[in-house]
Amino acid sequence: MIDGLKDLSETDLKQWIENSLAEKSHILAAGVQGQTLKYQDQQNSLVIKTPHGRGLIKYFHILMLRHEYAVYKKLQDYSFAPRCYGLLAGRYLVIEYIDAKPIRHARPQNELLFFQQLFTAIQQLHEIGIAHFDLKKKDNLLVINGERPCLIDFGTAVIRKTGCCAIFNHFWYRLAKQFDYNAWIKYKYKKQLELISAGDRPYYHRTIIEIVSRKLKRFYKDNIYDKRKAGKK
C-alpha cells in the first residue's frame, strides 16, 4: 500500500519500476541487496529500493526490504530520515528522495551545530526503539544544505522488542546503539579519538566486534595486502 503520492497510481509506478529494471535505466545506486532507482516527475521525487537475485537469494533480499519498511513505519514522526511512502507489491520500497550529499563528500558548514543535531537524531531514534547499526558507513549520513543531518538506509537497523523472551534482541539492540554513538564520535572528532572531550567520553566504547574487525584488517594489511603489493614491484 502506497500513501501520499501526488497524481501517481500504484499501477503506473509499478510498471515504471519494472520497465526501468528491464532496461537498466534510472539507476541511482546498485549493491548486493539490489538496485536503487530514482523516479522524478513534476510532483514526486522518489527513491525506490528493489531486490536483486533469484529464488532464495531474492526472497532474502525481499525480507530485508520488508524489515526496513517495518523500521520506517516506526519513524513516521521522526524528522531526521526521509519519508517512506510504502512497500509497493510487497517488494519495492518507495522513499522520499532527499537532495543532499553524503558526509564523505560534504562536511557540514557549522560542525558544532551539525553534530549536536546528529546526537539529537540518534537519541530520538533510540527513544523510538530503533538503533541504526550502520551509521559508520559514510553514505548513510547525508548533509542537507550543508547544515542538517539525515539518516538513510535502515536495512540493518535493530527494532527493540519487548518481553522477557527477547534476550538476544536486547543484547543486539544495545550493541547497535553503541555502534551509533561510536559513529557519532568518530565523525565529530574525525577519528582523532585522543581529542574526545570529557563530556563526550562516556558515549564512546569500542565494541568487541569493532576490536576484532580492526585486528583482522590489520592482519590482512600486514600479512597479505602489503606482501602482494611488494610482490608487484
Protein backbone atom coordinates (compact mmCIF):
# COMPACT_ATOMS: atom_id res chain seq x y z
CA MET A 1 0.00 0.00 0.00
CA ILE A 2 1.42 3.36 -1.11
CA ASP A 3 0.24 6.54 0.56
CA GLY A 4 0.96 10.21 -0.14
CA LEU A 5 1.98 10.24 -3.80
CA LYS A 6 0.57 13.01 -5.98
CA ASP A 7 -1.24 12.05 -9.20
CA LEU A 8 0.71 8.81 -9.46
CA SER A 9 -1.06 5.46 -9.25
CA GLU A 10 0.48 2.32 -7.80
CA THR A 11 -0.09 0.55 -11.12
CA ASP A 12 1.77 3.20 -13.10
CA LEU A 13 4.64 3.33 -10.63
CA LYS A 14 4.98 -0.46 -10.57
CA GLN A 15 5.08 -0.54 -14.37
CA TRP A 16 7.72 2.20 -14.40
CA ILE A 17 9.85 0.27 -11.89
CA GLU A 18 9.69 -2.97 -13.85
CA ASN A 19 10.42 -1.22 -17.14
CA SER A 20 13.40 0.55 -15.55
CA LEU A 21 14.77 -2.72 -14.20
CA ALA A 22 14.36 -4.42 -17.57
CA GLU A 23 16.03 -1.53 -19.39
CA LYS A 24 18.63 -0.95 -16.66
CA SER A 25 17.71 2.71 -16.54
CA HIS A 26 17.14 5.35 -13.83
CA ILE A 27 19.64 3.56 -11.57
CA LEU A 28 20.76 5.72 -8.66
CA ALA A 29 22.87 3.04 -6.97
CA ALA A 30 23.44 -0.70 -7.05
CA GLY A 31 24.59 -3.11 -4.38
CA VAL A 32 24.44 -6.69 -3.17
CA GLN A 33 20.85 -6.32 -1.99
CA GLY A 34 19.56 -4.79 -5.23
CA GLN A 35 19.25 -1.68 -7.31
CA THR A 36 18.05 1.72 -6.17
CA LEU A 37 16.07 3.72 -8.72
CA LYS A 38 15.21 7.40 -8.85
CA TYR A 39 11.76 8.46 -10.05
CA GLN A 40 11.10 12.10 -10.88
CA ASP A 41 8.07 13.95 -12.21
CA GLN A 42 6.66 17.41 -11.63
CA GLN A 43 5.11 16.46 -8.29
CA ASN A 44 7.03 13.44 -6.98
CA SER A 45 10.69 12.84 -6.28
CA LEU A 46 11.25 9.27 -5.14
CA VAL A 47 13.84 6.64 -4.37
CA ILE A 48 12.77 3.04 -4.98
CA LYS A 49 14.78 0.18 -3.48
CA THR A 50 14.39 -3.10 -5.37
CA PRO A 51 15.51 -6.66 -4.55
CA HIS A 52 18.20 -8.47 -6.51
CA GLY A 53 18.79 -12.10 -7.42
CA ARG A 54 16.66 -15.19 -7.93
CA GLY A 55 14.98 -17.82 -5.80
CA LEU A 56 16.02 -17.88 -2.14
CA ILE A 57 18.52 -15.06 -2.61
CA LYS A 58 15.85 -12.73 -3.97
CA TYR A 59 13.44 -13.81 -1.22
CA PHE A 60 16.08 -12.97 1.41
CA HIS A 61 16.54 -9.51 -0.10
CA ILE A 62 12.76 -9.01 -0.11
CA LEU A 63 12.71 -9.90 3.58
CA MET A 64 15.37 -7.24 4.18
CA LEU A 65 13.25 -4.64 2.39
CA ARG A 66 10.22 -5.68 4.44
CA HIS A 67 12.30 -5.29 7.59
CA GLU A 68 13.37 -1.82 6.50
CA TYR A 69 9.74 -0.94 5.81
CA ALA A 70 8.84 -2.06 9.35
CA VAL A 71 11.52 0.31 10.65
CA TYR A 72 10.20 3.22 8.58
CA LYS A 73 6.66 2.65 9.88
CA LYS A 74 8.00 3.43 13.36
CA LEU A 75 9.65 6.61 12.08
CA GLN A 76 6.56 8.41 10.80
CA ASP A 77 7.07 11.36 13.17
CA TYR A 78 10.86 11.27 13.05
CA SER A 79 12.36 14.35 11.37
CA PHE A 80 15.87 13.08 10.66
CA ALA A 81 15.01 10.49 7.99
CA PRO A 82 13.24 10.50 4.61
CA ARG A 83 9.52 9.85 4.43
CA CYS A 84 8.58 6.32 3.44
CA TYR A 85 5.50 6.03 1.20
CA GLY A 86 5.15 2.27 1.49
CA LEU A 87 6.14 -1.13 0.15
CA LEU A 88 4.77 -1.48 -3.38
CA ALA A 89 3.76 -5.00 -4.49
CA GLY A 90 5.39 -6.34 -1.34
CA ARG A 91 8.90 -5.88 -2.75
CA TYR A 92 9.59 -2.28 -3.85
CA LEU A 93 10.36 0.16 -1.04
CA VAL A 94 9.26 3.69 -2.01
CA ILE A 95 11.01 6.50 -0.16
CA GLU A 96 11.25 10.28 -0.44
CA TYR A 97 14.26 11.49 -2.40
CA ILE A 98 16.44 13.81 -0.33
CA ASP A 99 18.51 16.37 -2.24
CA ALA A 100 21.67 16.14 -0.15
CA LYS A 101 25.21 14.78 -0.21
CA PRO A 102 26.78 12.01 1.89
CA ILE A 103 29.09 13.27 4.59
CA ARG A 104 32.02 11.67 2.76
CA HIS A 105 31.55 14.34 0.05
CA ALA A 106 30.24 17.30 2.07
CA ARG A 107 31.39 18.28 5.54
CA PRO A 108 28.84 20.47 7.38
CA GLN A 109 29.38 24.22 7.35
CA ASN A 110 28.77 24.56 11.09
CA GLU A 111 30.20 21.35 12.50
CA LEU A 112 29.33 22.13 16.13
CA LEU A 113 25.64 22.62 15.31
CA PHE A 114 25.57 19.67 12.91
CA PHE A 115 26.95 17.18 15.41
CA GLN A 116 24.66 18.48 18.13
CA GLN A 117 21.76 17.75 15.78
CA LEU A 118 23.18 14.34 14.91
CA PHE A 119 23.42 13.48 18.60
CA THR A 120 19.77 14.53 19.00
CA ALA A 121 18.83 12.43 15.96
CA ILE A 122 20.49 9.34 17.46
CA GLN A 123 18.90 9.88 20.87
CA GLN A 124 15.43 10.33 19.38
CA LEU A 125 15.92 7.24 17.25
CA HIS A 126 16.78 5.18 20.32
CA GLU A 127 13.80 6.60 22.22
CA ILE A 128 11.57 5.22 19.44
CA GLY A 129 13.21 1.82 19.95
CA ILE A 130 15.34 1.78 16.80
CA ALA A 131 19.14 1.58 16.50
CA HIS A 132 20.59 2.25 13.06
CA PHE A 133 23.67 -0.01 13.41
CA ASP A 134 25.37 1.19 10.19
CA LEU A 135 25.96 4.91 10.64
CA LYS A 136 29.69 4.35 10.30
CA LYS A 137 29.09 3.92 6.56
CA LYS A 138 29.53 7.45 5.26
CA ASP A 139 26.90 7.04 2.54
CA ASN A 140 24.23 6.54 5.22
CA LEU A 141 24.62 10.02 6.71
CA LEU A 142 23.50 12.89 4.50
CA VAL A 143 24.23 16.60 4.93
CA ILE A 144 21.24 18.73 3.88
CA ASN A 145 22.08 22.27 2.74
CA GLY A 146 25.42 21.97 4.48
CA GLU A 147 23.87 22.03 7.93
CA ARG A 148 21.29 19.35 8.78
CA PRO A 149 21.84 15.59 9.22
CA CYS A 150 19.62 12.99 7.58
CA LEU A 151 19.88 9.26 8.28
CA ILE A 152 19.18 6.80 5.48
CA ASP A 153 19.37 3.05 4.75
CA PHE A 154 17.79 1.29 7.71
CA GLY A 155 18.25 -2.18 6.23
CA THR A 156 20.37 -3.42 9.14
CA ALA A 157 18.62 -1.40 11.84
CA VAL A 158 17.54 -3.19 15.01
CA ILE A 159 14.00 -2.83 16.36
CA ARG A 160 13.85 -3.28 20.11
CA LYS A 161 11.38 -5.96 21.09
CA THR A 162 9.57 -6.26 24.40
CA GLY A 163 9.16 -9.21 26.69
CA CYS A 164 11.41 -11.44 28.76
CA CYS A 165 11.99 -13.82 25.82
CA ALA A 166 13.76 -11.18 23.73
CA ILE A 167 17.12 -11.52 25.50
CA PHE A 168 19.18 -11.86 22.31
CA ASN A 169 17.31 -8.97 20.70
CA HIS A 170 18.03 -6.76 23.72
CA PHE A 171 21.74 -7.64 23.52
CA TRP A 172 21.82 -6.92 19.78
CA TYR A 173 19.92 -3.67 20.27
CA ARG A 174 22.35 -2.44 22.94
CA LEU A 175 25.24 -3.32 20.65
CA ALA A 176 23.63 -1.42 17.76
CA LYS A 177 23.06 1.62 19.99
CA GLN A 178 26.74 1.67 20.88
CA PHE A 179 27.66 1.43 17.21
CA ASP A 180 25.54 4.55 16.61
CA TYR A 181 27.24 6.54 19.36
CA ASN A 182 30.69 5.37 18.27
CA ALA A 183 29.96 6.51 14.72
CA TRP A 184 28.87 9.93 16.03
CA ILE A 185 32.12 10.28 17.98
CA LYS A 186 34.29 9.28 15.01
CA TYR A 187 32.52 11.73 12.70
CA LYS A 188 32.67 14.56 15.20
CA TYR A 189 36.34 14.11 16.04
CA LYS A 190 37.39 12.91 12.55
CA LYS A 191 38.69 9.67 14.11
CA GLN A 192 41.11 11.62 16.34
CA LEU A 193 39.89 9.81 19.42
CA GLU A 194 42.52 11.34 21.68
CA LEU A 195 40.61 14.63 21.27
CA ILE A 196 37.32 13.36 22.72
CA SER A 197 36.08 15.78 25.37
CA ALA A 198 35.30 14.74 28.93
CA GLY A 199 31.61 15.35 28.23
CA ASP A 200 31.56 13.08 25.17
CA ARG A 201 33.85 10.36 26.55
CA PRO A 202 31.03 8.35 28.24
CA TYR A 203 29.37 7.80 24.84
CA TYR A 204 32.35 6.08 23.24
CA HIS A 205 33.10 2.42 23.94
CA ARG A 206 34.74 0.14 21.39
CA THR A 207 32.64 -2.98 20.97
CA ILE A 208 34.07 -6.49 20.69
CA ILE A 209 33.03 -6.56 17.03
CA GLU A 210 34.96 -3.36 16.30
CA ILE A 211 38.03 -4.62 18.19
CA VAL A 212 38.09 -7.94 16.33
CA SER A 213 37.35 -6.27 12.99
CA ARG A 214 40.24 -3.84 13.46
CA LYS A 215 42.63 -6.67 14.29
CA LEU A 216 41.55 -8.66 11.23
CA LYS A 217 42.01 -5.63 8.97
CA ARG A 218 45.45 -5.01 10.43
CA PHE A 219 46.40 -8.67 9.99
CA TYR A 220 45.24 -8.60 6.37
CA LYS A 221 47.15 -5.39 5.66
CA ASP A 222 50.37 -6.55 7.31
CA ASN A 223 50.40 -10.16 6.12
CA ILE A 224 48.55 -10.21 2.80
CA TYR A 225 47.95 -6.82 1.21
CA ASP A 226 51.42 -5.37 1.83
CA LYS A 227 53.13 -8.56 0.67
CA ARG A 228 51.08 -8.67 -2.54
CA LYS A 229 51.83 -5.01 -3.15
CA ALA A 230 55.54 -5.60 -2.59
CA GLY A 231 55.49 -8.59 -4.95
CA LYS A 232 54.15 -6.45 -7.83
CA LYS A 233 57.07 -4.04 -7.65
